[in-house]
């Protein structure tokens, strides 16, 4: 599941209600950085932050490796779509 919000602020919490039956939620944003506390809270609720690669450098260095790029997300989706399905 990929939700899209221009900014995170407290709006990321809307994703929790919008997809309450989905375990891991992905949130795409173009917001240029968030606080460490906000990021940790998002992670605690299984929200994976997704941003365009060119703005990751605007996030705190301690969390950059935990942020997924949009390209990385699309690669994961492509892998899921192309994965051969087992026949019953």
PDB file of N, CA and C in Angstrom:
ATOM      1  N   UNK A   1       0.842  -1.155   0.000  1.00  0.00           N
ATOM      2  CA  UNK A   1       0.000   0.000   0.000  1.00  0.00           C
ATOM      3  C   UNK A   1       0.896   1.230   0.000  1.00  0.00           C
ATOM      4  N   UNK A   2       0.619   2.131  -0.896  1.00  0.00           N
ATOM      5  CA  UNK A   2       1.378   3.374  -0.969  1.00  0.00           C
ATOM      6  C   UNK A   2       0.418   4.541  -0.812  1.00  0.00           C
ATOM      7  N   UNK A   3       0.603   5.299   0.243  1.00  0.00           N
ATOM      8  CA  UNK A   3      -0.150   6.531   0.447  1.00  0.00           C
ATOM      9  C   UNK A   3       0.738   7.682  -0.005  1.00  0.00           C
ATOM     10  N   UNK A   4       0.118   8.762  -0.424  1.00  0.00           N
ATOM     11  CA  UNK A   4       0.870   9.925  -0.881  1.00  0.00           C
ATOM     12  C   UNK A   4       0.381  11.154  -0.135  1.00  0.00           C
ATOM     13  N   UNK A   5       1.298  11.827   0.521  1.00  0.00           N
ATOM     14  CA  UNK A   5       1.004  13.074   1.235  1.00  0.00           C
ATOM     15  C   UNK A   5       2.113  14.055   0.891  1.00  0.00           C
ATOM     16  N   UNK A   6       1.746  15.270   0.550  1.00  0.00           N
ATOM     17  CA  UNK A   6       2.748  16.276   0.221  1.00  0.00           C
ATOM     18  C   UNK A   6       3.680  16.502   1.403  1.00  0.00           C
ATOM     19  N   UNK A   7       3.089  16.621   2.593  1.00  0.00           N
ATOM     20  CA  UNK A   7       3.876  16.768   3.811  1.00  0.00           C
ATOM     21  C   UNK A   7       3.442  15.707   4.813  1.00  0.00           C
ATOM     22  N   UNK A   8       4.321  15.394   5.742  1.00  0.00           N
ATOM     23  CA  UNK A   8       4.018  14.369   6.745  1.00  0.00           C
ATOM     24  C   UNK A   8       3.302  14.971   7.945  1.00  0.00           C
ATOM     25  N   UNK A   9       3.942  15.926   8.584  1.00  0.00           N
ATOM     26  CA  UNK A   9       3.437  16.525   9.826  1.00  0.00           C
ATOM     27  C   UNK A   9       2.631  15.489  10.579  1.00  0.00           C
ATOM     28  N   UNK A  10       1.408  15.787  10.920  1.00  0.00           N
ATOM     29  CA  UNK A  10       0.554  14.800  11.575  1.00  0.00           C
ATOM     30  C   UNK A  10      -0.324  14.075  10.568  1.00  0.00           C
ATOM     31  N   UNK A  11      -0.226  14.441   9.311  1.00  0.00           N
ATOM     32  CA  UNK A  11      -1.061  13.820   8.278  1.00  0.00           C
ATOM     33  C   UNK A  11      -0.695  12.363   8.044  1.00  0.00           C
ATOM     34  N   UNK A  12       0.517  11.959   8.411  1.00  0.00           N
ATOM     35  CA  UNK A  12       0.905  10.571   8.209  1.00  0.00           C
ATOM     36  C   UNK A  12       0.018   9.644   9.019  1.00  0.00           C
ATOM     37  N   UNK A  13      -0.546  10.154  10.111  1.00  0.00           N
ATOM     38  CA  UNK A  13      -1.436   9.336  10.943  1.00  0.00           C
ATOM     39  C   UNK A  13      -2.709   8.946  10.193  1.00  0.00           C
ATOM     40  N   UNK A  14      -3.102   9.738   9.207  1.00  0.00           N
ATOM     41  CA  UNK A  14      -4.271   9.398   8.397  1.00  0.00           C
ATOM     42  C   UNK A  14      -4.069   8.057   7.703  1.00  0.00           C
ATOM     43  N   UNK A  15      -2.842   7.764   7.359  1.00  0.00           N
ATOM     44  CA  UNK A  15      -2.525   6.506   6.679  1.00  0.00           C
ATOM     45  C   UNK A  15      -2.879   5.316   7.568  1.00  0.00           C
ATOM     46  N   UNK A  16      -2.697   5.464   8.865  1.00  0.00           N
ATOM     47  CA  UNK A  16      -3.009   4.378   9.792  1.00  0.00           C
ATOM     48  C   UNK A  16      -4.486   4.002   9.714  1.00  0.00           C
ATOM     49  N   UNK A  17      -5.344   5.000   9.600  1.00  0.00           N
ATOM     50  CA  UNK A  17      -6.777   4.746   9.494  1.00  0.00           C
ATOM     51  C   UNK A  17      -7.189   4.318   8.087  1.00  0.00           C
ATOM     52  N   UNK A  18      -6.550   4.887   7.090  1.00  0.00           N
ATOM     53  CA  UNK A  18      -6.903   4.577   5.700  1.00  0.00           C
ATOM     54  C   UNK A  18      -6.556   3.142   5.330  1.00  0.00           C
ATOM     55  N   UNK A  19      -5.556   2.581   5.978  1.00  0.00           N
ATOM     56  CA  UNK A  19      -5.105   1.228   5.642  1.00  0.00           C
ATOM     57  C   UNK A  19      -4.925   0.399   6.910  1.00  0.00           C
ATOM     58  N   UNK A  20      -5.917   0.436   7.770  1.00  0.00           N
ATOM     59  CA  UNK A  20      -5.774  -0.204   9.075  1.00  0.00           C
ATOM     60  C   UNK A  20      -5.651  -1.723   9.016  1.00  0.00           C
ATOM     61  N   UNK A  21      -6.009  -2.348   7.891  1.00  0.00           N
ATOM     62  CA  UNK A  21      -5.902  -3.803   7.784  1.00  0.00           C
ATOM     63  C   UNK A  21      -4.613  -4.257   7.098  1.00  0.00           C
ATOM     64  N   UNK A  22      -3.790  -3.309   6.737  1.00  0.00           N
ATOM     65  CA  UNK A  22      -2.538  -3.621   6.044  1.00  0.00           C
ATOM     66  C   UNK A  22      -1.390  -3.469   7.030  1.00  0.00           C
ATOM     67  N   UNK A  23      -0.525  -4.468   7.069  1.00  0.00           N
ATOM     68  CA  UNK A  23       0.601  -4.432   8.003  1.00  0.00           C
ATOM     69  C   UNK A  23       1.550  -3.292   7.727  1.00  0.00           C
ATOM     70  N   UNK A  24       2.353  -3.433   6.693  1.00  0.00           N
ATOM     71  CA  UNK A  24       3.351  -2.408   6.361  1.00  0.00           C
ATOM     72  C   UNK A  24       2.755  -1.424   5.369  1.00  0.00           C
ATOM     73  N   UNK A  25       2.831  -0.169   5.740  1.00  0.00           N
ATOM     74  CA  UNK A  25       2.306   0.895   4.894  1.00  0.00           C
ATOM     75  C   UNK A  25       3.469   1.733   4.380  1.00  0.00           C
ATOM     76  N   UNK A  26       3.397   2.158   3.148  1.00  0.00           N
ATOM     77  CA  UNK A  26       4.419   3.016   2.558  1.00  0.00           C
ATOM     78  C   UNK A  26       3.825   4.405   2.377  1.00  0.00           C
ATOM     79  N   UNK A  27       4.607   5.409   2.724  1.00  0.00           N
ATOM     80  CA  UNK A  27       4.162   6.791   2.611  1.00  0.00           C
ATOM     81  C   UNK A  27       5.144   7.566   1.750  1.00  0.00           C
ATOM     82  N   UNK A  28       4.672   7.980   0.586  1.00  0.00           N
ATOM     83  CA  UNK A  28       5.476   8.791  -0.332  1.00  0.00           C
ATOM     84  C   UNK A  28       5.226  10.254  -0.016  1.00  0.00           C
ATOM     85  N   UNK A  29       6.307  10.993   0.143  1.00  0.00           N
ATOM     86  CA  UNK A  29       6.199  12.426   0.406  1.00  0.00           C
ATOM     87  C   UNK A  29       7.332  13.163  -0.289  1.00  0.00           C
ATOM     88  N   UNK A  30       7.113  14.443  -0.508  1.00  0.00           N
ATOM     89  CA  UNK A  30       8.179  15.302  -1.033  1.00  0.00           C
ATOM     90  C   UNK A  30       8.628  16.302   0.034  1.00  0.00           C
ATOM     91  N   UNK A  31       8.175  16.073   1.261  1.00  0.00           N
ATOM     92  CA  UNK A  31       8.611  16.924   2.370  1.00  0.00           C
ATOM     93  C   UNK A  31      10.119  16.808   2.519  1.00  0.00           C
ATOM     94  N   UNK A  32      10.757  17.922   2.733  1.00  0.00           N
ATOM     95  CA  UNK A  32      12.213  17.951   2.800  1.00  0.00           C
ATOM     96  C   UNK A  32      12.701  17.825   4.231  1.00  0.00           C
ATOM     97  N   UNK A  33      12.615  16.617   4.769  1.00  0.00           N
ATOM     98  CA  UNK A  33      13.092  16.342   6.117  1.00  0.00           C
ATOM     99  C   UNK A  33      11.972  16.293   7.140  1.00  0.00           C
ATOM    100  N   UNK A  34      12.164  15.438   8.153  1.00  0.00           N
ATOM    101  CA  UNK A  34      11.253  15.351   9.287  1.00  0.00           C
ATOM    102  C   UNK A  34      12.116  15.167  10.542  1.00  0.00           C
ATOM    103  N   UNK A  35      11.508  15.338  11.701  1.00  0.00           N
ATOM    104  CA  UNK A  35      12.264  15.181  12.948  1.00  0.00           C
ATOM    105  C   UNK A  35      12.556  13.705  13.192  1.00  0.00           C
ATOM    106  N   UNK A  36      13.588  13.440  13.958  1.00  0.00           N
ATOM    107  CA  UNK A  36      13.923  12.061  14.316  1.00  0.00           C
ATOM    108  C   UNK A  36      12.791  11.414  15.105  1.00  0.00           C
ATOM    109  N   UNK A  37      12.176  12.181  15.996  1.00  0.00           N
ATOM    110  CA  UNK A  37      11.069  11.639  16.781  1.00  0.00           C
ATOM    111  C   UNK A  37       9.892  11.236  15.893  1.00  0.00           C
ATOM    112  N   UNK A  38       9.565  12.090  14.955  1.00  0.00           N
ATOM    113  CA  UNK A  38       8.462  11.779  14.043  1.00  0.00           C
ATOM    114  C   UNK A  38       8.791  10.533  13.226  1.00  0.00           C
ATOM    115  N   UNK A  39      10.013  10.441  12.753  1.00  0.00           N
ATOM    116  CA  UNK A  39      10.413   9.274  11.968  1.00  0.00           C
ATOM    117  C   UNK A  39      10.308   8.000  12.801  1.00  0.00           C
ATOM    118  N   UNK A  40      10.791   8.047  14.026  1.00  0.00           N
ATOM    119  CA  UNK A  40      10.736   6.866  14.899  1.00  0.00           C
ATOM    120  C   UNK A  40       9.297   6.457  15.192  1.00  0.00           C
ATOM    121  N   UNK A  41       8.437   7.431  15.368  1.00  0.00           N
ATOM    122  CA  UNK A  41       7.032   7.125  15.617  1.00  0.00           C
ATOM    123  C   UNK A  41       6.390   6.475  14.389  1.00  0.00           C
ATOM    124  N   UNK A  42       6.726   6.973  13.224  1.00  0.00           N
ATOM    125  CA  UNK A  42       6.209   6.374  11.985  1.00  0.00           C
ATOM    126  C   UNK A  42       6.667   4.927  11.882  1.00  0.00           C
ATOM    127  N   UNK A  43       7.931   4.683  12.145  1.00  0.00           N
ATOM    128  CA  UNK A  43       8.469   3.324  12.058  1.00  0.00           C
ATOM    129  C   UNK A  43       7.812   2.401  13.073  1.00  0.00           C
ATOM    130  N   UNK A  44       7.524   2.917  14.252  1.00  0.00           N
ATOM    131  CA  UNK A  44       6.874   2.123  15.296  1.00  0.00           C
ATOM    132  C   UNK A  44       5.483   1.668  14.867  1.00  0.00           C
ATOM    133  N   UNK A  45       4.882   2.404  13.941  1.00  0.00           N
ATOM    134  CA  UNK A  45       3.558   2.049  13.412  1.00  0.00           C
ATOM    135  C   UNK A  45       3.651   1.368  12.045  1.00  0.00           C
ATOM    136  N   UNK A  46       4.816   0.856  11.701  1.00  0.00           N
ATOM    137  CA  UNK A  46       5.033   0.151  10.431  1.00  0.00           C
ATOM    138  C   UNK A  46       4.767   1.007   9.196  1.00  0.00           C
ATOM    139  N   UNK A  47       5.100   2.284   9.284  1.00  0.00           N
ATOM    140  CA  UNK A  47       4.991   3.170   8.128  1.00  0.00           C
ATOM    141  C   UNK A  47       6.387   3.362   7.566  1.00  0.00           C
ATOM    142  N   UNK A  48       6.581   2.931   6.325  1.00  0.00           N
ATOM    143  CA  UNK A  48       7.860   3.066   5.629  1.00  0.00           C
ATOM    144  C   UNK A  48       7.848   4.357   4.833  1.00  0.00           C
ATOM    145  N   UNK A  49       8.756   5.256   5.143  1.00  0.00           N
ATOM    146  CA  UNK A  49       8.847   6.529   4.433  1.00  0.00           C
ATOM    147  C   UNK A  49       9.498   6.303   3.071  1.00  0.00           C
ATOM    148  N   UNK A  50       8.877   6.868   2.042  1.00  0.00           N
ATOM    149  CA  UNK A  50       9.378   6.771   0.670  1.00  0.00           C
ATOM    150  C   UNK A  50       9.509   8.192   0.128  1.00  0.00           C
ATOM    151  N   UNK A  51      10.692   8.530  -0.393  1.00  0.00           N
ATOM    152  CA  UNK A  51      10.916   9.866  -0.940  1.00  0.00           C
ATOM    153  C   UNK A  51      11.713   9.761  -2.239  1.00  0.00           C
ATOM    154  N   UNK A  52      11.600  10.754  -3.117  1.00  0.00           N
ATOM    155  CA  UNK A  52      12.456  10.777  -4.298  1.00  0.00           C
ATOM    156  C   UNK A  52      13.927  10.814  -3.879  1.00  0.00           C
ATOM    157  N   UNK A  53      14.774  10.123  -4.599  1.00  0.00           N
ATOM    158  CA  UNK A  53      16.188   9.974  -4.237  1.00  0.00           C
ATOM    159  C   UNK A  53      16.901  11.310  -4.040  1.00  0.00           C
ATOM    160  N   UNK A  54      16.538  12.301  -4.801  1.00  0.00           N
ATOM    161  CA  UNK A  54      17.273  13.565  -4.720  1.00  0.00           C
ATOM    162  C   UNK A  54      16.994  14.370  -3.446  1.00  0.00           C
ATOM    163  N   UNK A  55      16.008  13.975  -2.633  1.00  0.00           N
ATOM    164  CA  UNK A  55      15.792  14.725  -1.391  1.00  0.00           C
ATOM    165  C   UNK A  55      16.192  13.950  -0.132  1.00  0.00           C
ATOM    166  N   UNK A  56      16.659  12.722  -0.277  1.00  0.00           N
ATOM    167  CA  UNK A  56      17.097  11.972   0.908  1.00  0.00           C
ATOM    168  C   UNK A  56      18.196  12.729   1.644  1.00  0.00           C
ATOM    169  N   UNK A  57      19.046  13.409   0.922  1.00  0.00           N
ATOM    170  CA  UNK A  57      20.144  14.150   1.561  1.00  0.00           C
ATOM    171  C   UNK A  57      19.645  15.257   2.485  1.00  0.00           C
ATOM    172  N   UNK A  58      18.385  15.612   2.391  1.00  0.00           N
ATOM    173  CA  UNK A  58      17.810  16.646   3.239  1.00  0.00           C
ATOM    174  C   UNK A  58      17.288  16.082   4.565  1.00  0.00           C
ATOM    175  N   UNK A  59      17.360  14.769   4.720  1.00  0.00           N
ATOM    176  CA  UNK A  59      16.934  14.113   5.955  1.00  0.00           C
ATOM    177  C   UNK A  59      18.147  13.899   6.862  1.00  0.00           C
ATOM    178  N   UNK A  60      17.891  13.761   8.142  1.00  0.00           N
ATOM    179  CA  UNK A  60      18.956  13.564   9.124  1.00  0.00           C
ATOM    180  C   UNK A  60      19.797  12.356   8.728  1.00  0.00           C
ATOM    181  N   UNK A  61      21.102  12.473   8.858  1.00  0.00           N
ATOM    182  CA  UNK A  61      22.019  11.414   8.419  1.00  0.00           C
ATOM    183  C   UNK A  61      21.770  10.080   9.119  1.00  0.00           C
ATOM    184  N   UNK A  62      21.243  10.109  10.336  1.00  0.00           N
ATOM    185  CA  UNK A  62      21.023   8.868  11.083  1.00  0.00           C
ATOM    186  C   UNK A  62      19.867   8.027  10.547  1.00  0.00           C
ATOM    187  N   UNK A  63      19.002   8.618   9.735  1.00  0.00           N
ATOM    188  CA  UNK A  63      17.841   7.861   9.244  1.00  0.00           C
ATOM    189  C   UNK A  63      17.839   7.663   7.728  1.00  0.00           C
ATOM    190  N   UNK A  64      18.765   8.266   7.033  1.00  0.00           N
ATOM    191  CA  UNK A  64      18.774   8.173   5.571  1.00  0.00           C
ATOM    192  C   UNK A  64      18.765   6.737   5.067  1.00  0.00           C
ATOM    193  N   UNK A  65      19.492   5.864   5.742  1.00  0.00           N
ATOM    194  CA  UNK A  65      19.573   4.472   5.281  1.00  0.00           C
ATOM    195  C   UNK A  65      18.261   3.715   5.489  1.00  0.00           C
ATOM    196  N   UNK A  66      17.366   4.256   6.309  1.00  0.00           N
ATOM    197  CA  UNK A  66      16.087   3.603   6.579  1.00  0.00           C
ATOM    198  C   UNK A  66      14.957   4.151   5.721  1.00  0.00           C
ATOM    199  N   UNK A  67      15.258   5.145   4.903  1.00  0.00           N
ATOM    200  CA  UNK A  67      14.258   5.743   4.026  1.00  0.00           C
ATOM    201  C   UNK A  67      14.348   5.056   2.671  1.00  0.00           C
ATOM    202  N   UNK A  68      13.215   4.694   2.129  1.00  0.00           N
ATOM    203  CA  UNK A  68      13.177   4.038   0.828  1.00  0.00           C
ATOM    204  C   UNK A  68      13.015   5.102  -0.258  1.00  0.00           C
ATOM    205  N   UNK A  69      13.748   4.928  -1.338  1.00  0.00           N
ATOM    206  CA  UNK A  69      13.571   5.844  -2.463  1.00  0.00           C
ATOM    207  C   UNK A  69      12.348   5.410  -3.261  1.00  0.00           C
ATOM    208  N   UNK A  70      11.803   6.339  -3.995  1.00  0.00           N
ATOM    209  CA  UNK A  70      10.668   6.015  -4.865  1.00  0.00           C
ATOM    210  C   UNK A  70      11.076   4.939  -5.867  1.00  0.00           C
ATOM    211  N   UNK A  71      12.286   5.059  -6.377  1.00  0.00           N
ATOM    212  CA  UNK A  71      12.789   4.073  -7.332  1.00  0.00           C
ATOM    213  C   UNK A  71      12.884   2.689  -6.682  1.00  0.00           C
ATOM    214  N   UNK A  72      13.328   2.642  -5.421  1.00  0.00           N
ATOM    215  CA  UNK A  72      13.411   1.383  -4.689  1.00  0.00           C
ATOM    216  C   UNK A  72      12.043   0.767  -4.476  1.00  0.00           C
ATOM    217  N   UNK A  73      11.063   1.606  -4.146  1.00  0.00           N
ATOM    218  CA  UNK A  73       9.693   1.120  -3.972  1.00  0.00           C
ATOM    219  C   UNK A  73       9.166   0.530  -5.275  1.00  0.00           C
ATOM    220  N   UNK A  74       9.358   1.245  -6.368  1.00  0.00           N
ATOM    221  CA  UNK A  74       8.887   0.756  -7.669  1.00  0.00           C
ATOM    222  C   UNK A  74       9.580  -0.545  -8.047  1.00  0.00           C
ATOM    223  N   UNK A  75      10.857  -0.670  -7.690  1.00  0.00           N
ATOM    224  CA  UNK A  75      11.581  -1.914  -7.941  1.00  0.00           C
ATOM    225  C   UNK A  75      10.984  -3.074  -7.169  1.00  0.00           C
ATOM    226  N   UNK A  76      10.594  -2.839  -5.920  1.00  0.00           N
ATOM    227  CA  UNK A  76       9.959  -3.888  -5.121  1.00  0.00           C
ATOM    228  C   UNK A  76       8.622  -4.297  -5.723  1.00  0.00           C
ATOM    229  N   UNK A  77       7.848  -3.318  -6.151  1.00  0.00           N
ATOM    230  CA  UNK A  77       6.553  -3.614  -6.765  1.00  0.00           C
ATOM    231  C   UNK A  77       6.757  -4.422  -8.039  1.00  0.00           C
ATOM    232  N   UNK A  78       7.718  -4.023  -8.837  1.00  0.00           N
ATOM    233  CA  UNK A  78       7.998  -4.732 -10.086  1.00  0.00           C
ATOM    234  C   UNK A  78       8.381  -6.181  -9.806  1.00  0.00           C
ATOM    235  N   UNK A  79       9.192  -6.406  -8.785  1.00  0.00           N
ATOM    236  CA  UNK A  79       9.593  -7.756  -8.403  1.00  0.00           C
ATOM    237  C   UNK A  79       8.377  -8.587  -8.006  1.00  0.00           C
ATOM    238  N   UNK A  80       7.462  -7.985  -7.256  1.00  0.00           N
ATOM    239  CA  UNK A  80       6.251  -8.695  -6.836  1.00  0.00           C
ATOM    240  C   UNK A  80       5.377  -9.050  -8.025  1.00  0.00           C
ATOM    241  N   UNK A  81       5.261  -8.129  -8.967  1.00  0.00           N
ATOM    242  CA  UNK A  81       4.416  -8.347 -10.134  1.00  0.00           C
ATOM    243  C   UNK A  81       4.998  -9.414 -11.042  1.00  0.00           C
ATOM    244  N   UNK A  82       6.314  -9.418 -11.184  1.00  0.00           N
ATOM    245  CA  UNK A  82       6.973 -10.366 -12.091  1.00  0.00           C
ATOM    246  C   UNK A  82       7.219 -11.722 -11.452  1.00  0.00           C
ATOM    247  N   UNK A  83       7.058 -11.830 -10.154  1.00  0.00           N
ATOM    248  CA  UNK A  83       7.318 -13.079  -9.435  1.00  0.00           C
ATOM    249  C   UNK A  83       6.378 -14.171  -9.952  1.00  0.00           C
ATOM    250  N   UNK A  84       6.945 -15.303 -10.384  1.00  0.00           N
ATOM    251  CA  UNK A  84       6.073 -16.381 -10.868  1.00  0.00           C
ATOM    252  C   UNK A  84       5.183 -16.892  -9.752  1.00  0.00           C
ATOM    253  N   UNK A  85       3.943 -17.124 -10.089  1.00  0.00           N
ATOM    254  CA  UNK A  85       2.998 -17.620  -9.094  1.00  0.00           C
ATOM    255  C   UNK A  85       2.972 -19.126  -9.116  1.00  0.00           C
ATOM    256  N   UNK A  86       2.876 -19.700  -7.923  1.00  0.00           N
ATOM    257  CA  UNK A  86       2.809 -21.163  -7.813  1.00  0.00           C
ATOM    258  C   UNK A  86       1.439 -21.630  -8.267  1.00  0.00           C
ATOM    259  N   UNK A  87       1.440 -22.720  -8.989  1.00  0.00           N
ATOM    260  CA  UNK A  87       0.167 -23.294  -9.417  1.00  0.00           C
ATOM    261  C   UNK A  87      -0.322 -24.264  -8.363  1.00  0.00           C
ATOM    262  N   UNK A  88      -1.615 -24.275  -8.136  1.00  0.00           N
ATOM    263  CA  UNK A  88      -2.186 -25.181  -7.139  1.00  0.00           C
ATOM    264  C   UNK A  88      -2.396 -26.556  -7.702  1.00  0.00           C
TER     265      UNK A  88
END
